[in-house]
Amino acid sequence: MKSTGIIRKMDDLGRIVIPMELRRIFGISSNDELEIFVDSDRIVLQKHEPTCVFCNSMDNLSEHKEKQICGKCLADLKKQGSS
């Protein structure tokens, strides 16, 4: 892991500010969603990229009841429903 040399204090509500230069590098805008992961003793932030709820594909996504479903899985579901 590479150190940036940037240190930020957490406020009373547990918030930190991600520096503008890092947001630019990683393409993070003000209303983007970030996923939070835990890797042993580390907290990892990653820009959220929607994926299919069934197969994790990022191709041809549509939303159904606030869940993302790819075209292939949607076709499989329709095929199973007509059987």
C-alpha atoms as a PDB file:
ATOM      1  CA  MET A   1       0.000   0.000   0.000  1.00  0.00           C
ATOM      2  CA  LYS A   2       1.305   3.441  -0.931  1.00  0.00           C
ATOM      3  CA  SER A   3       1.248   6.302   1.577  1.00  0.00           C
ATOM      4  CA  THR A   4      -0.010   9.679   0.353  1.00  0.00           C
ATOM      5  CA  GLY A   5       1.375  11.555   3.338  1.00  0.00           C
ATOM      6  CA  ILE A   6      -2.070  13.120   3.843  1.00  0.00           C
ATOM      7  CA  ILE A   7      -3.494  13.010   7.374  1.00  0.00           C
ATOM      8  CA  ARG A   8      -7.003  14.126   8.315  1.00  0.00           C
ATOM      9  CA  LYS A   9      -8.734  14.382  11.713  1.00  0.00           C
ATOM     10  CA  MET A  10     -12.125  12.800  12.255  1.00  0.00           C
ATOM     11  CA  ASP A  11     -14.811  15.163  13.592  1.00  0.00           C
ATOM     12  CA  ASP A  12     -17.208  14.470  16.485  1.00  0.00           C
ATOM     13  CA  LEU A  13     -19.682  12.768  14.131  1.00  0.00           C
ATOM     14  CA  GLY A  14     -17.052  10.400  12.707  1.00  0.00           C
ATOM     15  CA  ARG A  15     -16.600  12.260   9.409  1.00  0.00           C
ATOM     16  CA  ILE A  16     -13.395  12.866   7.496  1.00  0.00           C
ATOM     17  CA  VAL A  17     -12.774  14.922   4.380  1.00  0.00           C
ATOM     18  CA  ILE A  18     -11.276  13.165   1.360  1.00  0.00           C
ATOM     19  CA  PRO A  19      -8.890  15.658  -0.247  1.00  0.00           C
ATOM     20  CA  MET A  20      -9.958  17.148  -3.599  1.00  0.00           C
ATOM     21  CA  GLU A  21      -6.823  15.879  -5.360  1.00  0.00           C
ATOM     22  CA  LEU A  22      -7.651  12.267  -4.391  1.00  0.00           C
ATOM     23  CA  ARG A  23     -11.295  12.721  -5.395  1.00  0.00           C
ATOM     24  CA  ARG A  24     -10.133  13.930  -8.817  1.00  0.00           C
ATOM     25  CA  ILE A  25      -7.695  11.040  -9.262  1.00  0.00           C
ATOM     26  CA  PHE A  26     -10.369   8.451  -8.415  1.00  0.00           C
ATOM     27  CA  GLY A  27     -13.253  10.211 -10.191  1.00  0.00           C
ATOM     28  CA  ILE A  28     -15.300  10.737  -7.021  1.00  0.00           C
ATOM     29  CA  SER A  29     -17.913  13.519  -7.151  1.00  0.00           C
ATOM     30  CA  SER A  30     -19.827  15.088  -4.260  1.00  0.00           C
ATOM     31  CA  ASN A  31     -22.920  12.832  -4.433  1.00  0.00           C
ATOM     32  CA  ASP A  32     -21.182   9.580  -5.403  1.00  0.00           C
ATOM     33  CA  GLU A  33     -21.688   6.548  -3.196  1.00  0.00           C
ATOM     34  CA  LEU A  34     -18.654   4.969  -1.538  1.00  0.00           C
ATOM     35  CA  GLU A  35     -18.532   1.374  -0.342  1.00  0.00           C
ATOM     36  CA  ILE A  36     -16.816   0.638   2.953  1.00  0.00           C
ATOM     37  CA  PHE A  37     -14.813  -2.575   3.276  1.00  0.00           C
ATOM     38  CA  VAL A  38     -12.831  -4.048   6.157  1.00  0.00           C
ATOM     39  CA  ASP A  39      -9.581  -5.876   5.362  1.00  0.00           C
ATOM     40  CA  SER A  40      -8.246  -7.329   8.635  1.00  0.00           C
ATOM     41  CA  ASP A  41      -7.243  -4.121  10.493  1.00  0.00           C
ATOM     42  CA  ARG A  42      -7.857  -1.667   7.621  1.00  0.00           C
ATOM     43  CA  ILE A  43     -10.862   0.358   6.511  1.00  0.00           C
ATOM     44  CA  VAL A  44     -11.046   0.635   2.716  1.00  0.00           C
ATOM     45  CA  LEU A  45     -13.225   3.121   0.819  1.00  0.00           C
ATOM     46  CA  GLN A  46     -14.094   2.412  -2.802  1.00  0.00           C
ATOM     47  CA  LYS A  47     -16.338   4.208  -5.266  1.00  0.00           C
ATOM     48  CA  HIS A  48     -19.496   2.120  -5.580  1.00  0.00           C
ATOM     49  CA  GLU A  49     -20.022   0.548  -8.983  1.00  0.00           C
ATOM     50  CA  PRO A  50     -23.473  -1.049  -9.379  1.00  0.00           C
ATOM     51  CA  THR A  51     -23.483  -4.755 -10.250  1.00  0.00           C
ATOM     52  CA  CYS A  52     -26.101  -7.440 -10.852  1.00  0.00           C
ATOM     53  CA  VAL A  53     -27.534  -8.739  -7.590  1.00  0.00           C
ATOM     54  CA  PHE A  54     -27.255 -12.320  -8.907  1.00  0.00           C
ATOM     55  CA  CYS A  55     -23.989 -12.592 -10.884  1.00  0.00           C
ATOM     56  CA  ASN A  56     -22.121  -9.322 -10.112  1.00  0.00           C
ATOM     57  CA  SER A  57     -21.940  -8.403 -13.814  1.00  0.00           C
ATOM     58  CA  MET A  58     -21.726  -4.705 -14.634  1.00  0.00           C
ATOM     59  CA  ASP A  59     -23.131  -5.140 -18.181  1.00  0.00           C
ATOM     60  CA  ASN A  60     -26.603  -4.116 -19.363  1.00  0.00           C
ATOM     61  CA  LEU A  61     -28.034  -3.343 -15.896  1.00  0.00           C
ATOM     62  CA  SER A  62     -31.666  -2.473 -15.187  1.00  0.00           C
ATOM     63  CA  GLU A  63     -33.222  -1.617 -11.862  1.00  0.00           C
ATOM     64  CA  HIS A  64     -36.044  -3.634 -10.310  1.00  0.00           C
ATOM     65  CA  LYS A  65     -37.287  -2.822  -6.803  1.00  0.00           C
ATOM     66  CA  GLU A  66     -34.084  -0.851  -6.084  1.00  0.00           C
ATOM     67  CA  LYS A  67     -31.880  -3.819  -7.118  1.00  0.00           C
ATOM     68  CA  GLN A  68     -29.682  -4.028 -10.216  1.00  0.00           C
ATOM     69  CA  ILE A  69     -30.200  -6.993 -12.574  1.00  0.00           C
ATOM     70  CA  CYS A  70     -28.191  -7.655 -15.751  1.00  0.00           C
ATOM     71  CA  GLY A  71     -29.891  -8.536 -19.042  1.00  0.00           C
ATOM     72  CA  LYS A  72     -28.762 -12.180 -18.924  1.00  0.00           C
ATOM     73  CA  CYS A  73     -30.126 -12.811 -15.410  1.00  0.00           C
ATOM     74  CA  LEU A  74     -33.344 -10.962 -16.278  1.00  0.00           C
ATOM     75  CA  ALA A  75     -33.810 -13.213 -19.332  1.00  0.00           C
ATOM     76  CA  ASP A  76     -33.123 -16.291 -17.149  1.00  0.00           C
ATOM     77  CA  LEU A  77     -35.753 -15.142 -14.642  1.00  0.00           C
ATOM     78  CA  LYS A  78     -38.314 -14.558 -17.393  1.00  0.00           C
ATOM     79  CA  LYS A  79     -37.558 -18.000 -18.853  1.00  0.00           C
ATOM     80  CA  GLN A  80     -38.013 -19.671 -15.449  1.00  0.00           C
ATOM     81  CA  GLY A  81     -41.276 -17.797 -14.903  1.00  0.00           C
ATOM     82  CA  SER A  82     -42.730 -19.080 -18.175  1.00  0.00           C
ATOM     83  CA  SER A  83     -41.859 -22.727 -17.447  1.00  0.00           C
END
